[in-house]
C-alpha cells in the first residue's frame, strides 16, 4: 500500500469516522465518495442510489467540477456495468472499462475513464447504491488495472461501513420527518383553536355592534373598537403560526441567523418586546441545532401566549464546546412544583425530551409573579 499517500490504518479510520459523523443522507453520500477516492488515490469516484424506474434517485461524484457535471447532462440510467453492480454482490475490477462488452459509452463531455473498481453497497439483501472508482493514480503497465486486490478488499470494508452510515442517515431523516409532521399537527390544532375562538368572538361582537348602531351609537362604537382589537389578535396568531410552520433554514442560514430572523418577526407581531443576543456561538451538529431551535420556538410560544410578558429575552451563548440557550420573560410565572399540569400546558415535557435526545439538559426557573426562565445546554460536537 506504499504507493497510496493516504494508506494505512489511520487513513481508514479517518474515512470511517468521517462517514459516521454525518447525519443527512446527501452528506453521507458525499463523504463516502470523497473518502473512497482519497483512500484509494483515484482520479474519479461516484455513488449512485437507484430508484424504482431504471434510473438513479441520487448520483454523487467526486473529481468532476460543477461545470463538467453540468455539461455531462442527465443522470445515467441503470445499464451496463452500473446495472451489473446493482444486481450482483461481487465487485467489478477492470483493466479498461471501455473494453468490457457491457460498456455502452458515455456523453461527449464525460471524462475518459479506463481502469475501474466498483461494488454495490448493501444492507442485507437490499442494494443501497453502487460505488465505483476510476483512473488509479499510479503507473499502469499496458493492459493492466491500476487497482489491486488490496484496493478491492479495502473498498469492500469501506462499503460495509458506508451501508451502516447510509442506513442510519435514512433513519435519522425519517425521524425528522415524523417530528416535523407532529409539530405541524400540534400547530394546526393550536391555530384552529385560537383563531376559531377569535373569529367566533368577532362575529358575535360585530352582530352586537350592528344591533346597537341605531339606538345606542356610543355603545356601537365601543363594540366596533372591540372588533378591531379581536381582528388584530387573530392576525397576530396567524403571523406567529406562519413563523413556526415555515421550515427552518438551518442548512442554508445556520442556527443564529434562523433564530434572529424568527425573533424579529415575533417582535413585530406581538405587543411584547422580543430581543435576541448571540455572543461567540460556534456551529453545532445538525441534530443539536434543530433541537435548540425547536426548544426556543416552544419557549417563545409559551412566553408570548401564556405569560403576559412585556419583555422576552433570548440568548444563545457559547458554553464549553457546545451552547446554552436562555429564554427569559417578565411575565406572571408559575409554580414549577405543579409540574404535571404545568408540564402538559407549557410543553415542558417535550422540551426536556428534545434536550435529552441530543445529549443536553433543560432547566426551568419560575415563580408566581416573577417570570420564567428556560435554560437549555447542549454539548456540541
Protein backbone atom coordinates (compact mmCIF):
# COMPACT_ATOMS: atom_id res chain seq x y z
CA UNK A 1 0.00 0.00 0.00
CA UNK A 2 3.04 2.26 -0.10
CA UNK A 3 2.01 3.87 -3.41
CA UNK A 4 -1.08 5.37 -1.76
CA UNK A 5 -0.41 8.66 0.10
CA UNK A 6 -3.37 8.17 2.42
CA UNK A 7 -2.79 4.50 3.10
CA UNK A 8 -2.64 2.80 6.47
CA UNK A 9 -4.89 2.16 9.42
CA UNK A 10 -5.06 5.85 10.35
CA UNK A 11 -6.38 6.77 6.88
CA UNK A 12 -9.01 4.02 7.00
CA UNK A 13 -10.06 5.11 10.49
CA UNK A 14 -10.34 8.73 9.36
CA UNK A 15 -12.57 7.73 6.44
CA UNK A 16 -14.86 5.61 8.62
CA UNK A 17 -15.16 8.31 11.28
CA UNK A 18 -15.99 10.92 8.64
CA UNK A 19 -18.89 8.79 7.41
CA UNK A 20 -20.25 8.09 10.88
CA UNK A 21 -20.34 11.79 11.80
CA UNK A 22 -22.72 12.77 9.01
CA UNK A 23 -26.48 12.63 9.62
CA UNK A 24 -28.04 13.86 6.36
CA UNK A 25 -28.23 11.31 3.53
CA UNK A 26 -26.75 13.70 0.96
CA UNK A 27 -23.81 14.50 3.27
CA UNK A 28 -23.20 10.79 3.90
CA UNK A 29 -23.13 10.09 0.15
CA UNK A 30 -20.66 12.90 -0.49
CA UNK A 31 -18.44 11.75 2.39
CA UNK A 32 -18.42 8.13 1.18
CA UNK A 33 -17.39 9.17 -2.33
CA UNK A 34 -14.72 11.64 -1.21
CA UNK A 35 -13.31 9.18 1.35
CA UNK A 36 -13.13 6.32 -1.16
CA UNK A 37 -11.44 8.47 -3.80
CA UNK A 38 -8.84 9.80 -1.36
CA UNK A 39 -8.20 6.46 0.31
CA UNK A 40 -7.60 4.58 -2.94
CA UNK A 41 -5.93 7.52 -4.73
CA UNK A 42 -8.28 7.55 -7.73
CA UNK A 43 -8.94 10.36 -10.18
CA UNK A 44 -12.73 9.89 -10.13
CA UNK A 45 -15.33 8.41 -7.78
CA UNK A 46 -19.10 8.19 -7.90
CA UNK A 47 -22.00 6.67 -5.99
CA UNK A 48 -25.47 6.12 -7.40
CA UNK A 49 -28.60 5.39 -5.35
CA UNK A 50 -31.11 3.55 -7.56
CA UNK A 51 -34.75 4.46 -7.91
CA UNK A 52 -37.57 2.11 -8.88
CA UNK A 53 -37.76 3.28 -12.50
CA UNK A 54 -34.44 2.26 -14.04
CA UNK A 55 -32.61 5.45 -13.08
CA UNK A 56 -30.93 6.93 -10.04
CA UNK A 57 -32.65 8.85 -7.27
CA UNK A 58 -29.27 10.38 -6.34
CA UNK A 59 -25.90 10.32 -8.04
CA UNK A 60 -22.88 11.90 -6.31
CA UNK A 61 -19.49 12.37 -7.96
CA UNK A 62 -16.04 13.47 -6.80
CA UNK A 63 -13.22 14.61 -9.07
CA UNK A 64 -15.54 16.40 -11.54
CA UNK A 65 -16.11 20.16 -11.44
CA UNK A 66 -19.60 21.66 -11.31
CA UNK A 67 -19.18 22.93 -14.88
CA UNK A 68 -18.13 19.48 -16.11
CA UNK A 69 -21.02 17.81 -14.30
CA UNK A 70 -23.50 20.26 -15.81
CA UNK A 71 -22.08 19.66 -19.29
CA UNK A 72 -22.40 15.87 -18.93
CA UNK A 73 -26.18 16.18 -18.81
CA UNK A 74 -28.88 13.94 -17.30
CA UNK A 75 -28.13 11.28 -14.70
CA UNK A 76 -27.13 7.89 -16.09
CA UNK A 77 -29.58 5.02 -16.38
CA UNK A 78 -29.18 1.62 -14.74
CA UNK A 79 -27.41 -0.17 -17.57
CA UNK A 80 -24.06 -1.66 -18.46
CA UNK A 81 -21.53 -2.01 -15.68
CA UNK A 82 -23.64 0.16 -13.32
CA UNK A 83 -26.54 -2.26 -13.63
CA UNK A 84 -24.22 -5.20 -13.01
CA UNK A 85 -23.02 -3.65 -9.75
CA UNK A 86 -26.59 -3.08 -8.59
CA UNK A 87 -27.70 -6.65 -9.28
CA UNK A 88 -24.62 -8.63 -8.25
CA UNK A 89 -22.90 -8.83 -4.88
CA UNK A 90 -19.41 -9.23 -6.37
CA UNK A 91 -17.05 -6.31 -7.03
CA UNK A 92 -16.05 -5.30 -10.57
CA UNK A 93 -12.32 -4.70 -11.18
CA UNK A 94 -11.48 -3.94 -14.80
CA UNK A 95 -8.26 -3.01 -16.58
CA UNK A 96 -10.25 -0.86 -19.05
CA UNK A 97 -13.99 -0.35 -18.63
CA UNK A 98 -14.22 0.68 -22.31
CA UNK A 99 -13.20 -2.82 -23.38
CA UNK A 100 -15.93 -4.52 -21.33
CA UNK A 101 -18.75 -5.94 -23.51
CA UNK A 102 -21.32 -4.30 -21.22
CA UNK A 103 -19.89 -0.84 -21.83
CA UNK A 104 -22.39 1.37 -23.66
CA UNK A 105 -20.50 4.63 -23.99
CA UNK A 106 -20.99 7.94 -22.24
CA UNK A 107 -21.86 11.56 -23.13
CA UNK A 108 -19.35 13.68 -25.04
CA UNK A 109 -18.48 15.84 -22.01
CA UNK A 110 -17.92 12.79 -19.77
CA UNK A 111 -14.31 12.34 -18.56
CA UNK A 112 -12.41 9.47 -20.13
CA UNK A 113 -12.32 6.50 -17.73
CA UNK A 114 -10.05 3.48 -18.06
CA UNK A 115 -9.21 1.23 -15.12
CA UNK A 116 -12.23 0.72 -12.92
CA UNK A 117 -13.16 -0.64 -9.48
CA UNK A 118 -16.74 -0.80 -8.26
CA UNK A 119 -19.04 -2.70 -5.96
CA UNK A 120 -22.55 -2.48 -4.51
CA UNK A 121 -23.31 -1.01 -1.10
CA UNK A 122 -25.68 -3.49 0.51
CA UNK A 123 -27.71 -3.75 3.69
CA UNK A 124 -28.61 -7.42 3.90
CA UNK A 125 -30.43 -8.26 0.67
CA UNK A 126 -31.12 -4.61 -0.17
CA UNK A 127 -28.79 -2.77 -2.54
CA UNK A 128 -28.47 0.80 -1.32
CA UNK A 129 -26.21 2.01 -4.09
CA UNK A 130 -23.34 1.38 -6.48
CA UNK A 131 -19.91 2.82 -5.60
CA UNK A 132 -17.13 2.97 -8.14
CA UNK A 133 -13.69 4.48 -8.69
CA UNK A 134 -11.81 5.08 -11.92
CA UNK A 135 -8.33 6.01 -13.13
CA UNK A 136 -5.98 4.94 -10.35
CA UNK A 137 -3.19 7.49 -9.97
CA UNK A 138 -0.21 5.16 -10.32
CA UNK A 139 1.94 3.70 -13.13
CA UNK A 140 -0.03 1.06 -15.07
CA UNK A 141 1.63 -1.38 -17.45
CA UNK A 142 -0.17 -1.70 -20.78
CA UNK A 143 -3.39 -3.68 -20.45
CA UNK A 144 -3.32 -3.96 -16.66
CA UNK A 145 -5.55 -2.50 -13.98
CA UNK A 146 -4.15 0.08 -11.61
CA UNK A 147 -6.46 -1.09 -8.83
CA UNK A 148 -5.18 -4.06 -6.87
CA UNK A 149 -6.79 -6.90 -4.93
CA UNK A 150 -5.78 -4.99 -1.81
CA UNK A 151 -7.72 -1.96 -3.07
CA UNK A 152 -10.71 -4.19 -3.71
CA UNK A 153 -10.59 -5.53 -0.16
CA UNK A 154 -10.24 -2.03 1.29
CA UNK A 155 -13.16 -0.72 -0.74
CA UNK A 156 -15.23 -3.67 0.49
CA UNK A 157 -14.54 -2.67 4.10
CA UNK A 158 -15.45 0.93 3.30
CA UNK A 159 -18.68 -0.19 1.62
CA UNK A 160 -19.77 -2.20 4.67
CA UNK A 161 -19.40 0.85 6.90
CA UNK A 162 -20.98 3.05 4.22
CA UNK A 163 -24.07 0.83 4.35
CA UNK A 164 -24.32 1.37 8.10
CA UNK A 165 -23.81 5.14 7.81
CA UNK A 166 -26.33 5.43 4.97
CA UNK A 167 -28.94 3.33 6.80
CA UNK A 168 -28.51 5.45 9.94
CA UNK A 169 -28.85 8.65 7.91
CA UNK A 170 -32.07 7.40 6.33
CA UNK A 171 -33.48 6.53 9.75
CA UNK A 172 -32.47 9.96 11.05
CA UNK A 173 -34.20 11.73 8.16
CA UNK A 174 -37.35 9.65 8.64
CA UNK A 175 -37.38 10.51 12.35
CA UNK A 176 -37.06 14.19 11.44
CA UNK A 177 -39.95 13.89 9.02
CA UNK A 178 -42.08 12.34 11.75
CA UNK A 179 -41.08 15.09 14.17
CA UNK A 180 -41.96 17.79 11.63
CA UNK A 181 -45.32 16.10 10.96
CA UNK A 182 -46.03 16.02 14.71
CA UNK A 183 -45.07 19.70 15.03
CA UNK A 184 -47.33 20.68 12.17
CA UNK A 185 -50.21 18.68 13.62
CA UNK A 186 -49.76 20.36 17.01
CA UNK A 187 -49.58 23.80 15.43
CA UNK A 188 -52.64 23.10 13.29
CA UNK A 189 -54.67 22.21 16.39
CA UNK A 190 -53.45 25.31 18.23
CA UNK A 191 -54.11 27.53 15.23
CA UNK A 192 -57.61 26.10 14.78
CA UNK A 193 -58.49 26.56 18.45
CA UNK A 194 -57.05 30.05 18.83
CA UNK A 195 -58.25 31.56 15.56
CA UNK A 196 -61.67 29.86 15.72
CA UNK A 197 -62.27 31.40 19.13
CA UNK A 198 -61.19 34.81 17.89
CA UNK A 199 -63.40 34.61 14.80
CA UNK A 200 -66.38 33.45 16.86
CA UNK A 201 -65.91 36.43 19.19
CA UNK A 202 -65.53 38.71 16.18
CA UNK A 203 -68.82 37.55 14.73
CA UNK A 204 -70.76 38.00 17.99
CA UNK A 205 -69.25 41.42 18.63
CA UNK A 206 -69.97 42.58 15.09
CA UNK A 207 -73.58 41.41 15.43
CA UNK A 208 -73.91 43.31 18.71
CA UNK A 209 -72.49 46.46 17.08
CA UNK A 210 -74.97 46.19 14.20
CA UNK A 211 -77.90 45.87 16.63
CA UNK A 212 -76.76 48.97 18.60
CA UNK A 213 -76.00 51.31 15.69
CA UNK A 214 -79.43 52.95 15.62
CA UNK A 215 -80.46 53.04 19.29
CA UNK A 216 -77.07 53.45 21.05
CA UNK A 217 -74.32 54.73 18.70
CA UNK A 218 -71.85 55.22 21.56
CA UNK A 219 -72.06 51.55 22.63
CA UNK A 220 -71.92 50.50 18.98
CA UNK A 221 -68.67 52.44 18.61
CA UNK A 222 -67.23 50.59 21.61
CA UNK A 223 -68.23 47.24 20.12
CA UNK A 224 -66.58 48.17 16.81
CA UNK A 225 -63.38 49.05 18.65
CA UNK A 226 -63.51 45.59 20.23
CA UNK A 227 -63.93 44.10 16.73
CA UNK A 228 -60.72 45.88 15.65
CA UNK A 229 -58.91 44.57 18.74
CA UNK A 230 -60.03 40.98 18.17
CA UNK A 231 -59.06 41.18 14.49
CA UNK A 232 -55.56 42.35 15.46
CA UNK A 233 -55.20 39.44 17.90
CA UNK A 234 -56.31 36.96 15.22
CA UNK A 235 -53.75 38.43 12.82
CA UNK A 236 -51.04 38.02 15.48
CA UNK A 237 -52.00 34.36 15.95
CA UNK A 238 -51.73 33.77 12.22
CA UNK A 239 -48.35 35.53 11.89
CA UNK A 240 -46.86 33.56 14.78
CA UNK A 241 -48.18 30.28 13.37
CA UNK A 242 -46.70 31.04 9.94
CA UNK A 243 -43.30 31.61 11.55
CA UNK A 244 -43.44 28.23 13.28
CA UNK A 245 -44.77 26.37 10.24
CA UNK A 246 -42.10 27.73 7.92
CA UNK A 247 -39.26 25.18 7.57
CA UNK A 248 -36.19 26.32 9.46
CA UNK A 249 -33.41 27.30 7.05
CA UNK A 250 -30.75 25.75 9.26
CA UNK A 251 -28.78 24.18 6.41
CA UNK A 252 -28.59 27.42 4.45
CA UNK A 253 -28.51 30.11 7.15
CA UNK A 254 -27.38 28.42 10.35
CA UNK A 255 -28.95 28.47 13.80
CA UNK A 256 -28.08 32.05 14.80
CA UNK A 257 -29.44 33.67 11.62
CA UNK A 258 -32.57 31.48 11.65
CA UNK A 259 -33.32 32.33 15.28
CA UNK A 260 -32.65 36.03 14.76
CA UNK A 261 -34.99 36.16 11.75
CA UNK A 262 -37.83 34.39 13.54
CA UNK A 263 -37.43 36.54 16.66
CA UNK A 264 -37.53 39.74 14.59
CA UNK A 265 -40.85 38.63 13.10
CA UNK A 266 -42.24 37.74 16.53
CA UNK A 267 -41.13 41.11 17.88
CA UNK A 268 -43.13 42.87 15.16
CA UNK A 269 -46.16 40.58 15.51
CA UNK A 270 -46.64 40.84 19.31
CA UNK A 271 -47.08 43.69 21.75
CA UNK A 272 -44.35 42.23 23.98
CA UNK A 273 -40.79 43.19 23.09
CA UNK A 274 -38.66 40.21 21.97
CA UNK A 275 -34.86 40.66 21.87
CA UNK A 276 -32.04 38.31 20.82
CA UNK A 277 -28.32 38.13 21.60
CA UNK A 278 -25.78 35.54 20.40
CA UNK A 279 -22.26 36.11 21.73
CA UNK A 280 -19.50 33.84 20.43
CA UNK A 281 -21.61 30.91 19.22
CA UNK A 282 -19.96 28.25 17.07
CA UNK A 283 -21.75 25.88 14.70
CA UNK A 284 -23.31 22.80 16.33
CA UNK A 285 -24.12 19.35 14.94
CA UNK A 286 -27.28 19.46 12.82
CA UNK A 287 -29.41 17.48 15.29
CA UNK A 288 -28.43 19.80 18.16
CA UNK A 289 -29.15 22.94 16.14
CA UNK A 290 -32.61 21.66 15.30
CA UNK A 291 -33.30 20.75 18.94
CA UNK A 292 -32.19 24.22 20.12
CA UNK A 293 -34.38 25.89 17.51
CA UNK A 294 -37.46 23.83 18.45
CA UNK A 295 -37.00 24.44 22.19
CA UNK A 296 -36.57 28.18 21.52
CA UNK A 297 -39.79 28.19 19.49
CA UNK A 298 -41.72 26.33 22.21
CA UNK A 299 -40.40 28.60 24.97
CA UNK A 300 -41.22 31.72 22.93
CA UNK A 301 -44.69 30.34 22.25
CA UNK A 302 -45.27 29.95 25.98
CA UNK A 303 -43.90 33.38 26.87
CA UNK A 304 -45.89 35.24 24.20
CA UNK A 305 -49.18 33.33 24.54
CA UNK A 306 -49.48 32.46 28.21
CA UNK A 307 -47.19 34.56 30.42
CA UNK A 308 -48.49 38.09 29.83
CA UNK A 309 -44.87 39.22 29.49
CA UNK A 310 -43.87 42.68 28.33
CA UNK A 311 -40.27 41.63 27.57
CA UNK A 312 -38.83 38.31 26.38
CA UNK A 313 -35.06 37.93 26.02
CA UNK A 314 -33.44 35.10 24.07
CA UNK A 315 -29.72 34.46 24.46
CA UNK A 316 -27.66 31.84 22.63
CA UNK A 317 -24.14 31.76 24.03
CA UNK A 318 -21.09 29.54 23.75
CA UNK A 319 -20.86 27.02 26.58
CA UNK A 320 -17.68 24.93 26.55
CA UNK A 321 -17.67 23.03 23.25
CA UNK A 322 -21.42 23.46 22.95
CA UNK A 323 -24.00 26.18 23.52
CA UNK A 324 -26.51 27.44 26.07
CA UNK A 325 -29.94 28.76 25.14
CA UNK A 326 -31.79 31.01 27.60
CA UNK A 327 -35.34 32.26 27.08
CA UNK A 328 -36.45 34.57 29.90
CA UNK A 329 -39.67 36.55 30.31
CA UNK A 330 -41.02 39.02 32.89
CA UNK A 331 -44.50 37.52 32.85
CA UNK A 332 -46.73 36.11 35.56
CA UNK A 333 -44.68 32.93 36.08
CA UNK A 334 -45.98 29.72 37.63
CA UNK A 335 -45.19 27.19 40.34
CA UNK A 336 -42.74 24.56 38.97
CA UNK A 337 -43.91 22.30 41.79
CA UNK A 338 -47.13 21.80 39.85
CA UNK A 339 -45.02 20.07 37.21
CA UNK A 340 -47.72 17.67 35.97
CA UNK A 341 -50.31 20.25 34.97
CA UNK A 342 -47.78 22.92 34.03
CA UNK A 343 -45.68 20.45 32.07
CA UNK A 344 -48.57 19.44 29.85
CA UNK A 345 -49.80 23.00 29.42
CA UNK A 346 -46.45 24.56 28.56
CA UNK A 347 -44.83 21.69 26.62
CA UNK A 348 -42.08 21.31 29.23
CA UNK A 349 -42.02 17.54 28.78
CA UNK A 350 -41.42 17.79 25.02
CA UNK A 351 -38.72 20.44 25.55
CA UNK A 352 -36.91 18.23 28.07
CA UNK A 353 -37.21 15.28 25.69
CA UNK A 354 -35.70 17.33 22.85
CA UNK A 355 -32.78 18.39 25.03
CA UNK A 356 -32.14 14.88 26.32
CA UNK A 357 -32.39 13.48 22.77
CA UNK A 358 -29.23 15.36 21.74
CA UNK A 359 -27.31 14.78 24.98
CA UNK A 360 -28.29 18.08 26.55
CA UNK A 361 -30.24 19.23 29.59
CA UNK A 362 -33.08 21.66 30.24
CA UNK A 363 -33.95 23.52 33.44
CA UNK A 364 -36.95 25.69 34.25
CA UNK A 365 -36.87 28.51 36.81
CA UNK A 366 -40.14 30.25 37.68
CA UNK A 367 -42.35 31.51 40.47
CA UNK A 368 -45.76 33.22 40.51
CA UNK A 369 -45.29 36.89 39.65
CA UNK A 370 -41.56 36.52 38.92
CA UNK A 371 -41.43 35.45 35.29
CA UNK A 372 -39.97 32.29 33.79
CA UNK A 373 -36.52 31.32 32.55
CA UNK A 374 -35.85 28.29 30.31
CA UNK A 375 -32.21 27.15 30.09
CA UNK A 376 -31.02 24.52 27.63
CA UNK A 377 -27.44 23.29 27.34
CA UNK A 378 -26.11 21.12 24.51
CA UNK A 379 -22.62 19.57 24.39
CA UNK A 380 -21.59 20.44 20.82
CA UNK A 381 -19.58 18.08 18.63
